[in-house]
Amino acid sequence: MRALYKLTKDMEVKLHTLFNELQDLKNKARELDEENTRLRHSLAEAYRASGIIGAVETSHTGIGFMNLLELYDQGFHICNLHFGCKRAVECLFCMAVLKKGHKSAVEQG
């Protein structure tokens, strides 16, 4: 009977250790998610500050690109991954579309 008690006690200690490791992993995942969000916001701000979005509005671009820009400003994705879905945060893929459109507008202008 003592052997069974010792086995259950050992298992309880192992489960407690595993639970602590799981909590640490969960906290690290949360921290990485928060950092990822912060970095996405920083990159989006850098795109905005560099004038990519503002310059596109004043250049001579096609009506299609202006429509995409308007959709993006209204809070929708314009990237091929989530096109038409509502955006909760800035999207790097959408920003890449805007940057590509800006480059082609500069080349045309």
PDB file of N, CA and C in Angstrom:
ATOM      1  N   MET A   1       0.817  -1.188   0.000  1.00  0.00           N
ATOM      2  CA  MET A   1       0.000   0.000   0.000  1.00  0.00           C
ATOM      3  C   MET A   1       0.858   1.249   0.000  1.00  0.00           C
ATOM      4  N   ARG A   2       2.020   1.191   0.725  1.00  0.00           N
ATOM      5  CA  ARG A   2       2.912   2.350   0.748  1.00  0.00           C
ATOM      6  C   ARG A   2       3.495   2.631  -0.631  1.00  0.00           C
ATOM      7  N   ALA A   3       3.725   1.581  -1.420  1.00  0.00           N
ATOM      8  CA  ALA A   3       4.271   1.747  -2.766  1.00  0.00           C
ATOM      9  C   ALA A   3       3.274   2.499  -3.651  1.00  0.00           C
ATOM     10  N   LEU A   4       2.006   2.165  -3.518  1.00  0.00           N
ATOM     11  CA  LEU A   4       0.974   2.857  -4.280  1.00  0.00           C
ATOM     12  C   LEU A   4       0.895   4.316  -3.872  1.00  0.00           C
ATOM     13  N   TYR A   5       0.957   4.585  -2.573  1.00  0.00           N
ATOM     14  CA  TYR A   5       0.940   5.961  -2.080  1.00  0.00           C
ATOM     15  C   TYR A   5       2.143   6.739  -2.630  1.00  0.00           C
ATOM     16  N   LYS A   6       3.326   6.123  -2.624  1.00  0.00           N
ATOM     17  CA  LYS A   6       4.534   6.781  -3.123  1.00  0.00           C
ATOM     18  C   LYS A   6       4.413   7.055  -4.611  1.00  0.00           C
ATOM     19  N   LEU A   7       3.866   6.106  -5.363  1.00  0.00           N
ATOM     20  CA  LEU A   7       3.685   6.311  -6.797  1.00  0.00           C
ATOM     21  C   LEU A   7       2.734   7.478  -7.082  1.00  0.00           C
ATOM     22  N   THR A   8       1.640   7.529  -6.360  1.00  0.00           N
ATOM     23  CA  THR A   8       0.694   8.625  -6.570  1.00  0.00           C
ATOM     24  C   THR A   8       1.300   9.969  -6.151  1.00  0.00           C
ATOM     25  N   LYS A   9       2.063   9.960  -5.090  1.00  0.00           N
ATOM     26  CA  LYS A   9       2.726  11.186  -4.634  1.00  0.00           C
ATOM     27  C   LYS A   9       3.754  11.655  -5.667  1.00  0.00           C
ATOM     28  N   ASP A  10       4.533  10.722  -6.215  1.00  0.00           N
ATOM     29  CA  ASP A  10       5.507  11.065  -7.254  1.00  0.00           C
ATOM     30  C   ASP A  10       4.813  11.617  -8.503  1.00  0.00           C
ATOM     31  N   MET A  11       3.710  10.987  -8.867  1.00  0.00           N
ATOM     32  CA  MET A  11       2.960  11.449 -10.027  1.00  0.00           C
ATOM     33  C   MET A  11       2.402  12.849  -9.785  1.00  0.00           C
ATOM     34  N   GLU A  12       1.932  13.112  -8.580  1.00  0.00           N
ATOM     35  CA  GLU A  12       1.415  14.429  -8.226  1.00  0.00           C
ATOM     36  C   GLU A  12       2.510  15.494  -8.349  1.00  0.00           C
ATOM     37  N   VAL A  13       3.703  15.190  -7.912  1.00  0.00           N
ATOM     38  CA  VAL A  13       4.828  16.122  -8.026  1.00  0.00           C
ATOM     39  C   VAL A  13       5.163  16.377  -9.497  1.00  0.00           C
ATOM     40  N   LYS A  14       5.185  15.318 -10.297  1.00  0.00           N
ATOM     41  CA  LYS A  14       5.464  15.464 -11.725  1.00  0.00           C
ATOM     42  C   LYS A  14       4.395  16.303 -12.420  1.00  0.00           C
ATOM     43  N   LEU A  15       3.127  16.056 -12.068  1.00  0.00           N
ATOM     44  CA  LEU A  15       2.034  16.840 -12.652  1.00  0.00           C
ATOM     45  C   LEU A  15       2.135  18.310 -12.257  1.00  0.00           C
ATOM     46  N   HIS A  16       2.504  18.564 -11.021  1.00  0.00           N
ATOM     47  CA  HIS A  16       2.663  19.936 -10.554  1.00  0.00           C
ATOM     48  C   HIS A  16       3.786  20.634 -11.327  1.00  0.00           C
ATOM     49  N   THR A  17       4.889  19.924 -11.520  1.00  0.00           N
ATOM     50  CA  THR A  17       6.013  20.472 -12.291  1.00  0.00           C
ATOM     51  C   THR A  17       5.594  20.734 -13.735  1.00  0.00           C
ATOM     52  N   LEU A  18       4.885  19.796 -14.322  1.00  0.00           N
ATOM     53  CA  LEU A  18       4.408  19.947 -15.692  1.00  0.00           C
ATOM     54  C   LEU A  18       3.443  21.123 -15.811  1.00  0.00           C
ATOM     55  N   PHE A  19       2.580  21.279 -14.833  1.00  0.00           N
ATOM     56  CA  PHE A  19       1.646  22.393 -14.820  1.00  0.00           C
ATOM     57  C   PHE A  19       2.392  23.724 -14.757  1.00  0.00           C
ATOM     58  N   ASN A  20       3.430  23.808 -13.933  1.00  0.00           N
ATOM     59  CA  ASN A  20       4.229  25.036 -13.843  1.00  0.00           C
ATOM     60  C   ASN A  20       4.923  25.342 -15.172  1.00  0.00           C
ATOM     61  N   GLU A  21       5.442  24.303 -15.827  1.00  0.00           N
ATOM     62  CA  GLU A  21       6.085  24.491 -17.125  1.00  0.00           C
ATOM     63  C   GLU A  21       5.073  24.968 -18.162  1.00  0.00           C
ATOM     64  N   LEU A  22       3.868  24.411 -18.099  1.00  0.00           N
ATOM     65  CA  LEU A  22       2.807  24.817 -19.013  1.00  0.00           C
ATOM     66  C   LEU A  22       2.430  26.278 -18.787  1.00  0.00           C
ATOM     67  N   GLN A  23       2.352  26.707 -17.549  1.00  0.00           N
ATOM     68  CA  GLN A  23       2.052  28.109 -17.234  1.00  0.00           C
ATOM     69  C   GLN A  23       3.147  29.020 -17.773  1.00  0.00           C
ATOM     70  N   ASP A  24       4.406  28.614 -17.614  1.00  0.00           N
ATOM     71  CA  ASP A  24       5.521  29.405 -18.141  1.00  0.00           C
ATOM     72  C   ASP A  24       5.436  29.526 -19.664  1.00  0.00           C
ATOM     73  N   LEU A  25       5.115  28.420 -20.313  1.00  0.00           N
ATOM     74  CA  LEU A  25       4.979  28.417 -21.764  1.00  0.00           C
ATOM     75  C   LEU A  25       3.834  29.322 -22.214  1.00  0.00           C
ATOM     76  N   LYS A  26       2.734  29.260 -21.486  1.00  0.00           N
ATOM     77  CA  LYS A  26       1.583  30.094 -21.790  1.00  0.00           C
ATOM     78  C   LYS A  26       1.912  31.574 -21.623  1.00  0.00           C
ATOM     79  N   ASN A  27       2.646  31.915 -20.581  1.00  0.00           N
ATOM     80  CA  ASN A  27       3.051  33.304 -20.361  1.00  0.00           C
ATOM     81  C   ASN A  27       3.987  33.781 -21.461  1.00  0.00           C
ATOM     82  N   LYS A  28       4.910  32.932 -21.880  1.00  0.00           N
ATOM     83  CA  LYS A  28       5.837  33.284 -22.945  1.00  0.00           C
ATOM     84  C   LYS A  28       5.094  33.496 -24.262  1.00  0.00           C
ATOM     85  N   ALA A  29       4.117  32.652 -24.548  1.00  0.00           N
ATOM     86  CA  ALA A  29       3.317  32.802 -25.766  1.00  0.00           C
ATOM     87  C   ALA A  29       2.553  34.121 -25.741  1.00  0.00           C
ATOM     88  N   ARG A  30       2.008  34.495 -24.588  1.00  0.00           N
ATOM     89  CA  ARG A  30       1.294  35.764 -24.456  1.00  0.00           C
ATOM     90  C   ARG A  30       2.240  36.934 -24.688  1.00  0.00           C
ATOM     91  N   GLU A  31       3.434  36.853 -24.098  1.00  0.00           N
ATOM     92  CA  GLU A  31       4.424  37.917 -24.279  1.00  0.00           C
ATOM     93  C   GLU A  31       4.820  38.058 -25.749  1.00  0.00           C
ATOM     94  N   LEU A  32       5.022  36.929 -26.432  1.00  0.00           N
ATOM     95  CA  LEU A  32       5.388  36.971 -27.843  1.00  0.00           C
ATOM     96  C   LEU A  32       4.257  37.535 -28.695  1.00  0.00           C
ATOM     97  N   ASP A  33       3.023  37.198 -28.360  1.00  0.00           N
ATOM     98  CA  ASP A  33       1.878  37.726 -29.087  1.00  0.00           C
ATOM     99  C   ASP A  33       1.780  39.243 -28.900  1.00  0.00           C
ATOM    100  N   GLU A  34       1.991  39.713 -27.670  1.00  0.00           N
ATOM    101  CA  GLU A  34       1.961  41.157 -27.412  1.00  0.00           C
ATOM    102  C   GLU A  34       3.089  41.867 -28.157  1.00  0.00           C
ATOM    103  N   GLU A  35       4.276  41.259 -28.174  1.00  0.00           N
ATOM    104  CA  GLU A  35       5.407  41.859 -28.888  1.00  0.00           C
ATOM    105  C   GLU A  35       5.134  41.889 -30.389  1.00  0.00           C
ATOM    106  N   ASN A  36       4.555  40.824 -30.911  1.00  0.00           N
ATOM    107  CA  ASN A  36       4.211  40.768 -32.322  1.00  0.00           C
ATOM    108  C   ASN A  36       3.229  41.881 -32.689  1.00  0.00           C
ATOM    109  N   THR A  37       2.212  42.070 -31.870  1.00  0.00           N
ATOM    110  CA  THR A  37       1.237  43.133 -32.106  1.00  0.00           C
ATOM    111  C   THR A  37       1.907  44.494 -32.065  1.00  0.00           C
ATOM    112  N   ARG A  38       2.767  44.697 -31.070  1.00  0.00           N
ATOM    113  CA  ARG A  38       3.468  45.979 -30.946  1.00  0.00           C
ATOM    114  C   ARG A  38       4.359  46.231 -32.158  1.00  0.00           C
ATOM    115  N   LEU A  39       5.055  45.206 -32.616  1.00  0.00           N
ATOM    116  CA  LEU A  39       5.920  45.357 -33.780  1.00  0.00           C
ATOM    117  C   LEU A  39       5.126  45.625 -35.054  1.00  0.00           C
ATOM    118  N   ARG A  40       3.987  44.989 -35.186  1.00  0.00           N
ATOM    119  CA  ARG A  40       3.124  45.256 -36.353  1.00  0.00           C
ATOM    120  C   ARG A  40       2.665  46.707 -36.358  1.00  0.00           C
ATOM    121  N   HIS A  41       2.266  47.205 -35.177  1.00  0.00           N
ATOM    122  CA  HIS A  41       1.848  48.606 -35.081  1.00  0.00           C
ATOM    123  C   HIS A  41       3.010  49.541 -35.398  1.00  0.00           C
ATOM    124  N   SER A  42       4.186  49.226 -34.899  1.00  0.00           N
ATOM    125  CA  SER A  42       5.359  50.062 -35.157  1.00  0.00           C
ATOM    126  C   SER A  42       5.691  50.092 -36.646  1.00  0.00           C
ATOM    127  N   LEU A  43       5.639  48.941 -37.294  1.00  0.00           N
ATOM    128  CA  LEU A  43       5.932  48.881 -38.715  1.00  0.00           C
ATOM    129  C   LEU A  43       4.880  49.628 -39.531  1.00  0.00           C
ATOM    130  N   ALA A  44       3.629  49.473 -39.148  1.00  0.00           N
ATOM    131  CA  ALA A  44       2.564  50.198 -39.841  1.00  0.00           C
ATOM    132  C   ALA A  44       2.750  51.703 -39.673  1.00  0.00           C
ATOM    133  N   GLU A  45       3.120  52.133 -38.481  1.00  0.00           N
ATOM    134  CA  GLU A  45       3.383  53.557 -38.244  1.00  0.00           C
ATOM    135  C   GLU A  45       4.566  54.031 -39.073  1.00  0.00           C
ATOM    136  N   ALA A  46       5.578  53.197 -39.194  1.00  0.00           N
ATOM    137  CA  ALA A  46       6.744  53.561 -40.005  1.00  0.00           C
ATOM    138  C   ALA A  46       6.345  53.729 -41.469  1.00  0.00           C
ATOM    139  N   TYR A  47       5.478  52.831 -41.967  1.00  0.00           N
ATOM    140  CA  TYR A  47       4.983  52.976 -43.331  1.00  0.00           C
ATOM    141  C   TYR A  47       4.218  54.288 -43.482  1.00  0.00           C
ATOM    142  N   ARG A  48       3.365  54.562 -42.508  1.00  0.00           N
ATOM    143  CA  ARG A  48       2.580  55.795 -42.583  1.00  0.00           C
ATOM    144  C   ARG A  48       3.485  57.024 -42.483  1.00  0.00           C
ATOM    145  N   ALA A  49       4.445  56.990 -41.581  1.00  0.00           N
ATOM    146  CA  ALA A  49       5.347  58.125 -41.384  1.00  0.00           C
ATOM    147  C   ALA A  49       6.253  58.348 -42.586  1.00  0.00           C
ATOM    148  N   SER A  50       6.572  57.277 -43.318  1.00  0.00           N
ATOM    149  CA  SER A  50       7.449  57.424 -44.481  1.00  0.00           C
ATOM    150  C   SER A  50       6.719  58.066 -45.653  1.00  0.00           C
ATOM    151  N   GLY A  51       5.416  58.261 -45.512  1.00  0.00           N
ATOM    152  CA  GLY A  51       4.660  58.939 -46.562  1.00  0.00           C
ATOM    153  C   GLY A  51       4.153  58.033 -47.652  1.00  0.00           C
ATOM    154  N   ILE A  52       4.300  56.738 -47.494  1.00  0.00           N
ATOM    155  CA  ILE A  52       3.862  55.822 -48.543  1.00  0.00           C
ATOM    156  C   ILE A  52       2.371  55.984 -48.805  1.00  0.00           C
ATOM    157  N   ILE A  53       1.586  55.997 -47.743  1.00  0.00           N
ATOM    158  CA  ILE A  53       0.134  56.056 -47.923  1.00  0.00           C
ATOM    159  C   ILE A  53      -0.292  57.439 -48.387  1.00  0.00           C
ATOM    160  N   GLY A  54       0.253  58.489 -47.783  1.00  0.00           N
ATOM    161  CA  GLY A  54      -0.115  59.840 -48.178  1.00  0.00           C
ATOM    162  C   GLY A  54       0.310  60.168 -49.596  1.00  0.00           C
ATOM    163  N   ALA A  55       1.480  59.701 -50.016  1.00  0.00           N
ATOM    164  CA  ALA A  55       1.974  59.970 -51.362  1.00  0.00           C
ATOM    165  C   ALA A  55       1.105  59.290 -52.409  1.00  0.00           C
ATOM    166  N   VAL A  56       0.586  58.129 -52.097  1.00  0.00           N
ATOM    167  CA  VAL A  56      -0.257  57.419 -53.048  1.00  0.00           C
ATOM    168  C   VAL A  56      -1.526  58.208 -53.320  1.00  0.00           C
ATOM    169  N   GLU A  57      -2.060  58.856 -52.302  1.00  0.00           N
ATOM    170  CA  GLU A  57      -3.296  59.603 -52.470  1.00  0.00           C
ATOM    171  C   GLU A  57      -3.128  60.778 -53.423  1.00  0.00           C
ATOM    172  N   THR A  58      -1.935  61.377 -53.502  1.00  0.00           N
ATOM    173  CA  THR A  58      -1.738  62.554 -54.335  1.00  0.00           C
ATOM    174  C   THR A  58      -1.121  62.235 -55.691  1.00  0.00           C
ATOM    175  N   SER A  59      -0.709  61.004 -55.926  1.00  0.00           N
ATOM    176  CA  SER A  59      -0.087  60.657 -57.209  1.00  0.00           C
ATOM    177  C   SER A  59      -1.158  60.326 -58.238  1.00  0.00           C
ATOM    178  N   HIS A  60      -0.702  60.191 -59.485  1.00  0.00           N
ATOM    179  CA  HIS A  60      -1.619  59.857 -60.571  1.00  0.00           C
ATOM    180  C   HIS A  60      -1.679  58.343 -60.719  1.00  0.00           C
ATOM    181  N   THR A  61      -2.522  57.715 -59.960  1.00  0.00           N
ATOM    182  CA  THR A  61      -2.647  56.256 -60.009  1.00  0.00           C
ATOM    183  C   THR A  61      -3.989  55.894 -60.612  1.00  0.00           C
ATOM    184  N   GLY A  62      -4.135  54.623 -60.880  1.00  0.00           N
ATOM    185  CA  GLY A  62      -5.380  54.153 -61.460  1.00  0.00           C
ATOM    186  C   GLY A  62      -6.513  54.173 -60.450  1.00  0.00           C
ATOM    187  N   ILE A  63      -7.718  54.180 -60.965  1.00  0.00           N
ATOM    188  CA  ILE A  63      -8.919  54.217 -60.122  1.00  0.00           C
ATOM    189  C   ILE A  63      -9.012  52.955 -59.268  1.00  0.00           C
ATOM    190  N   GLY A  64      -8.525  51.822 -59.788  1.00  0.00           N
ATOM    191  CA  GLY A  64      -8.575  50.569 -59.027  1.00  0.00           C
ATOM    192  C   GLY A  64      -7.749  50.641 -57.761  1.00  0.00           C
ATOM    193  N   PHE A  65      -6.552  51.208 -57.891  1.00  0.00           N
ATOM    194  CA  PHE A  65      -5.703  51.323 -56.717  1.00  0.00           C
ATOM    195  C   PHE A  65      -6.292  52.295 -55.711  1.00  0.00           C
ATOM    196  N   MET A  66      -6.876  53.369 -56.187  1.00  0.00           N
ATOM    197  CA  MET A  66      -7.509  54.329 -55.268  1.00  0.00           C
ATOM    198  C   MET A  66      -8.672  53.662 -54.530  1.00  0.00           C
ATOM    199  N   ASN A  67      -9.397  52.791 -55.218  1.00  0.00           N
ATOM    200  CA  ASN A  67     -10.481  52.060 -54.560  1.00  0.00           C
ATOM    201  C   ASN A  67      -9.935  51.134 -53.467  1.00  0.00           C
ATOM    202  N   LEU A  68      -8.802  50.471 -53.748  1.00  0.00           N
ATOM    203  CA  LEU A  68      -8.176  49.625 -52.730  1.00  0.00           C
ATOM    204  C   LEU A  68      -7.751  50.451 -51.526  1.00  0.00           C
ATOM    205  N   LEU A  69      -7.183  51.601 -51.791  1.00  0.00           N
ATOM    206  CA  LEU A  69      -6.755  52.486 -50.708  1.00  0.00           C
ATOM    207  C   LEU A  69      -7.951  52.934 -49.868  1.00  0.00           C
ATOM    208  N   GLU A  70      -9.046  53.244 -50.524  1.00  0.00           N
ATOM    209  CA  GLU A  70     -10.251  53.644 -49.795  1.00  0.00           C
ATOM    210  C   GLU A  70     -10.793  52.490 -48.942  1.00  0.00           C
ATOM    211  N   LEU A  71     -10.788  51.277 -49.499  1.00  0.00           N
ATOM    212  CA  LEU A  71     -11.214  50.107 -48.723  1.00  0.00           C
ATOM    213  C   LEU A  71     -10.338  49.925 -47.492  1.00  0.00           C
ATOM    214  N   TYR A  72      -9.031  50.077 -47.686  1.00  0.00           N
ATOM    215  CA  TYR A  72      -8.103  49.919 -46.560  1.00  0.00           C
ATOM    216  C   TYR A  72      -8.381  50.980 -45.489  1.00  0.00           C
ATOM    217  N   ASP A  73      -8.595  52.200 -45.912  1.00  0.00           N
ATOM    218  CA  ASP A  73      -8.881  53.279 -44.956  1.00  0.00           C
ATOM    219  C   ASP A  73     -10.197  53.055 -44.210  1.00  0.00           C
ATOM    220  N   GLN A  74     -11.108  52.333 -44.828  1.00  0.00           N
ATOM    221  CA  GLN A  74     -12.385  52.020 -44.178  1.00  0.00           C
ATOM    222  C   GLN A  74     -12.266  50.839 -43.219  1.00  0.00           C
ATOM    223  N   GLY A  75     -11.073  50.226 -43.159  1.00  0.00           N
ATOM    224  CA  GLY A  75     -10.852  49.153 -42.194  1.00  0.00           C
ATOM    225  C   GLY A  75     -10.970  47.750 -42.749  1.00  0.00           C
ATOM    226  N   PHE A  76     -10.845  47.595 -44.070  1.00  0.00           N
ATOM    227  CA  PHE A  76     -10.926  46.275 -44.685  1.00  0.00           C
ATOM    228  C   PHE A  76      -9.555  45.855 -45.194  1.00  0.00           C
ATOM    229  N   HIS A  77      -9.350  44.538 -45.230  1.00  0.00           N
ATOM    230  CA  HIS A  77      -8.121  43.999 -45.801  1.00  0.00           C
ATOM    231  C   HIS A  77      -8.155  44.167 -47.317  1.00  0.00           C
ATOM    232  N   ILE A  78      -6.992  44.493 -47.907  1.00  0.00           N
ATOM    233  CA  ILE A  78      -6.859  44.542 -49.357  1.00  0.00           C
ATOM    234  C   ILE A  78      -5.828  43.517 -49.847  1.00  0.00           C
ATOM    235  N   CYS A  79      -5.255  42.771 -48.915  1.00  0.00           N
ATOM    236  CA  CYS A  79      -4.277  41.741 -49.283  1.00  0.00           C
ATOM    237  C   CYS A  79      -5.014  40.494 -49.776  1.00  0.00           C
ATOM    238  N   ASN A  80      -4.270  39.658 -50.511  1.00  0.00           N
ATOM    239  CA  ASN A  80      -4.902  38.454 -51.069  1.00  0.00           C
ATOM    240  C   ASN A  80      -5.231  37.410 -50.012  1.00  0.00           C
ATOM    241  N   LEU A  81      -4.640  37.517 -48.822  1.00  0.00           N
ATOM    242  CA  LEU A  81      -4.905  36.522 -47.782  1.00  0.00           C
ATOM    243  C   LEU A  81      -6.262  36.703 -47.113  1.00  0.00           C
ATOM    244  N   HIS A  82      -6.651  37.966 -46.889  1.00  0.00           N
ATOM    245  CA  HIS A  82      -7.888  38.235 -46.143  1.00  0.00           C
ATOM    246  C   HIS A  82      -8.752  39.275 -46.837  1.00  0.00           C
ATOM    247  N   PHE A  83      -8.678  39.357 -48.157  1.00  0.00           N
ATOM    248  CA  PHE A  83      -9.351  40.420 -48.902  1.00  0.00           C
ATOM    249  C   PHE A  83     -10.818  40.544 -48.506  1.00  0.00           C
ATOM    250  N   GLY A  84     -11.215  41.761 -48.178  1.00  0.00           N
ATOM    251  CA  GLY A  84     -12.606  42.058 -47.867  1.00  0.00           C
ATOM    252  C   GLY A  84     -13.003  41.827 -46.425  1.00  0.00           C
ATOM    253  N   CYS A  85     -12.170  41.166 -45.649  1.00  0.00           N
ATOM    254  CA  CYS A  85     -12.476  40.937 -44.228  1.00  0.00           C
ATOM    255  C   CYS A  85     -12.160  42.201 -43.441  1.00  0.00           C
ATOM    256  N   LYS A  86     -12.870  42.388 -42.367  1.00  0.00           N
ATOM    257  CA  LYS A  86     -12.652  43.551 -41.505  1.00  0.00           C
ATOM    258  C   LYS A  86     -11.313  43.406 -40.792  1.00  0.00           C
ATOM    259  N   ARG A  87     -10.535  44.509 -40.749  1.00  0.00           N
ATOM    260  CA  ARG A  87      -9.248  44.527 -40.065  1.00  0.00           C
ATOM    261  C   ARG A  87      -9.445  44.978 -38.631  1.00  0.00           C
ATOM    262  N   ALA A  88      -8.803  44.291 -37.696  1.00  0.00           N
ATOM    263  CA  ALA A  88      -8.797  44.725 -36.299  1.00  0.00           C
ATOM    264  C   ALA A  88      -7.552  45.561 -36.023  1.00  0.00           C
ATOM    265  N   VAL A  89      -6.462  45.222 -36.704  1.00  0.00           N
ATOM    266  CA  VAL A  89      -5.181  45.924 -36.545  1.00  0.00           C
ATOM    267  C   VAL A  89      -4.581  46.134 -37.935  1.00  0.00           C
ATOM    268  N   GLU A  90      -3.477  46.855 -37.982  1.00  0.00           N
ATOM    269  CA  GLU A  90      -2.773  47.046 -39.247  1.00  0.00           C
ATOM    270  C   GLU A  90      -2.282  45.696 -39.757  1.00  0.00           C
ATOM    271  N   CYS A  91      -2.282  45.534 -41.079  1.00  0.00           N
ATOM    272  CA  CYS A  91      -1.885  44.265 -41.702  1.00  0.00           C
ATOM    273  C   CYS A  91      -0.642  44.496 -42.555  1.00  0.00           C
ATOM    274  N   LEU A  92       0.398  43.736 -42.283  1.00  0.00           N
ATOM    275  CA  LEU A  92       1.637  43.886 -43.037  1.00  0.00           C
ATOM    276  C   LEU A  92       1.459  43.519 -44.504  1.00  0.00           C
ATOM    277  N   PHE A  93       0.608  42.561 -44.795  1.00  0.00           N
ATOM    278  CA  PHE A  93       0.378  42.163 -46.177  1.00  0.00           C
ATOM    279  C   PHE A  93      -0.337  43.279 -46.940  1.00  0.00           C
ATOM    280  N   CYS A  94      -1.305  43.913 -46.293  1.00  0.00           N
ATOM    281  CA  CYS A  94      -1.984  45.054 -46.914  1.00  0.00           C
ATOM    282  C   CYS A  94      -1.002  46.197 -47.133  1.00  0.00           C
ATOM    283  N   MET A  95      -0.144  46.423 -46.159  1.00  0.00           N
ATOM    284  CA  MET A  95       0.855  47.484 -46.294  1.00  0.00           C
ATOM    285  C   MET A  95       1.788  47.190 -47.471  1.00  0.00           C
ATOM    286  N   ALA A  96       2.115  45.929 -47.686  1.00  0.00           N
ATOM    287  CA  ALA A  96       2.964  45.561 -48.817  1.00  0.00           C
ATOM    288  C   ALA A  96       2.264  45.867 -50.139  1.00  0.00           C
ATOM    289  N   VAL A  97       0.946  45.633 -50.205  1.00  0.00           N
ATOM    290  CA  VAL A  97       0.178  45.969 -51.409  1.00  0.00           C
ATOM    291  C   VAL A  97       0.245  47.473 -51.644  1.00  0.00           C
ATOM    292  N   LEU A  98       0.058  48.253 -50.581  1.00  0.00           N
ATOM    293  CA  LEU A  98       0.115  49.704 -50.714  1.00  0.00           C
ATOM    294  C   LEU A  98       1.504  50.173 -51.146  1.00  0.00           C
ATOM    295  N   LYS A  99       2.519  49.563 -50.587  1.00  0.00           N
ATOM    296  CA  LYS A  99       3.894  49.940 -50.934  1.00  0.00           C
ATOM    297  C   LYS A  99       4.176  49.616 -52.399  1.00  0.00           C
ATOM    298  N   LYS A 100       3.735  48.444 -52.844  1.00  0.00           N
ATOM    299  CA  LYS A 100       3.934  48.046 -54.233  1.00  0.00           C
ATOM    300  C   LYS A 100       3.188  49.002 -55.164  1.00  0.00           C
ATOM    301  N   GLY A 101       1.979  49.365 -54.803  1.00  0.00           N
ATOM    302  CA  GLY A 101       1.206  50.318 -55.588  1.00  0.00           C
ATOM    303  C   GLY A 101       1.848  51.687 -55.644  1.00  0.00           C
ATOM    304  N   HIS A 102       2.457  52.084 -54.528  1.00  0.00           N
ATOM    305  CA  HIS A 102       3.149  53.369 -54.477  1.00  0.00           C
ATOM    306  C   HIS A 102       4.363  53.351 -55.397  1.00  0.00           C
ATOM    307  N   LYS A 103       5.131  52.263 -55.393  1.00  0.00           N
ATOM    308  CA  LYS A 103       6.315  52.160 -56.251  1.00  0.00           C
ATOM    309  C   LYS A 103       5.912  52.253 -57.726  1.00  0.00           C
ATOM    310  N   SER A 104       4.850  51.558 -58.107  1.00  0.00           N
ATOM    311  CA  SER A 104       4.435  51.604 -59.515  1.00  0.00           C
ATOM    312  C   SER A 104       3.896  52.980 -59.876  1.00  0.00           C
ATOM    313  N   ALA A 105       3.283  53.683 -58.925  1.00  0.00           N
ATOM    314  CA  ALA A 105       2.798  55.034 -59.177  1.00  0.00           C
ATOM    315  C   ALA A 105       3.961  55.995 -59.388  1.00  0.00           C
ATOM    316  N   VAL A 106       5.025  55.830 -58.613  1.00  0.00           N
ATOM    317  CA  VAL A 106       6.208  56.671 -58.748  1.00  0.00           C
ATOM    318  C   VAL A 106       6.866  56.416 -60.100  1.00  0.00           C
ATOM    319  N   GLU A 107       6.924  55.143 -60.498  1.00  0.00           N
ATOM    320  CA  GLU A 107       7.526  54.797 -61.791  1.00  0.00           C
ATOM    321  C   GLU A 107       6.720  55.368 -62.956  1.00  0.00           C
ATOM    322  N   GLN A 108       5.373  55.419 -62.810  1.00  0.00           N
ATOM    323  CA  GLN A 108       4.533  55.963 -63.861  1.00  0.00           C
ATOM    324  C   GLN A 108       4.595  57.489 -63.909  1.00  0.00           C
ATOM    325  N   GLY A 109       4.711  58.082 -62.700  1.00  0.00           N
ATOM    326  CA  GLY A 109       4.672  59.544 -62.582  1.00  0.00           C
ATOM    327  C   GLY A 109       5.970  60.135 -62.874  1.00  0.00           C
TER     328      GLY A 109
END
